Amino acid sequence: MLSENAAIKALAEEYLLGTYPERHVALVRGQGAHVWDADGKRYLDCLSGIGVNNLGHCHPRVVEAVKKQAETLMHVSNIYLIAPQARLARLLCEQTFASKVFFANTGAEVVEGALKLARKYARKKGYPNRSEFICMRNSFHGRTFGAMTATGQEKYHKDFEPLLPGFHYVPLNDIAAVESAVNAQTCAIVLEPVQGEGGIRVADPAFVEDLRRLCDEWDILLIFDEVQCGNGRTGKLYAYMHSGVEPDVLVTAKGLGGGLPIGALLAGHKVETVFEPGNHGTTLGGNPLSTAAGLACLQTLLEENLCQRAEQLGEQLRRRLGQIKDCVAGIVEVRGLGLMIGMELERPAAPVMQAMMEQGYLIGTAGPNVIRFLPPLIVEWEDLAAMADRLEEVLGQ
């Protein structure tokens, strides 16, 4: 007789498109930093749904907000006012550089919105030929055509050409390459302050400052993609706060919804009037349920000082992983900010991820050779220390 995990796997293989690698574990319950599979095995979740569950699983404040909203109103069209949407927008603006917000369902959706906003801004400013974007190599911005084209990794482009025209890629932290790429057709520079899928690579503050200077000189937009590195993940509410450089547009998603799908485009004063009715929209984005969850999530991050907690725990975890690097051969580097950490290996990372899962720890990869750690911001240090101890054993085998 099949186990519950095996039975669910058989269903998935028969009825789901093969867009993911083979999966053996069905997660059915979560609480705090832990999840349980269909056979009852417990895991420490150090991936957080790839940076979604920043508050852990089923946080009481998010659960209560969702239950209350679900019993009242789950969806209405954006042709009507939505109370929790307006309240979440106000809180985002109060806590960031932004003056206006647009809500969608996913990170890719708000990336698409930001690309459209940049082209519309150029036309409103009298630059009709400005339509091109400068993006970073090893970046990741999503899987829709615009977001995928902005992504600076060929493996995501393969088999889907021709891509959209007008996108150019330069190395992260190479300001000379950016300066050479900017021209009279450029309308925006797109940057992840911390690259996620590209290997947990941090943009140097001086590089970010130079990007701001270039954008001001050319009157083009600076767009930050904080889909993964936002919402407390790096030890600040948003990663741009580490450098003090404000973008014109910031897009975020993942950790904003406490587990529910939501995306947000944050617009600064320079671009707050660029979009006009009919320029952009969404059917389900910003619905009452997701924005109620987002409001509870953001309030919790702020009121419980979870950004500072992520900074402190991240420093401890990077220090411990650095000790492992000093003791175990084949580790190239440990890097990151807050609780967004990568460990680069001289060998493939996927077997390490699999071995850790078998030991009851969920970690991820960020490229072929990088182990990715994105634990919930509410995780206890004792659990992270136990994970690191087990990782040291696995890497040493």
Foldseek 3Di string as FASTA:
>chain_A
DDQPQVVVQVVCVVPPPPPDPRDRWAWDDWDFQWTATSNGFIFREQCCVVQFQQRTPPDVLLVVLLVVCVVPFFFDFPVDDFVLLVVLQVVVVVQAQFDGKDKAFAQLQVVVVVLLLLQLLCVVVPQNLARAEEAEALAARDLDQVRLLSHRDVVSVPPPDPGDPRYHYDHAQPLVRVVVPDDSRHAEYEEACFGALSFRRHHDLVSLVSRLVVCVVNVHFYEYECQRVACLQQLGNGPVVVSPDHTQKYKYWRHLQNPGGMIMIGGHPSRPPSDDPPSDGHGGTSGNSRSSSSVSSSVCCVVVVLSNLLQVLVVVLLVLVVVLPVVFPFWDDWDHGRQWIKIFGNAFCVVLQVVLVVVRYHWDANPGGIITGRGHSSDDSVVSVVSSVVSSVSRRD
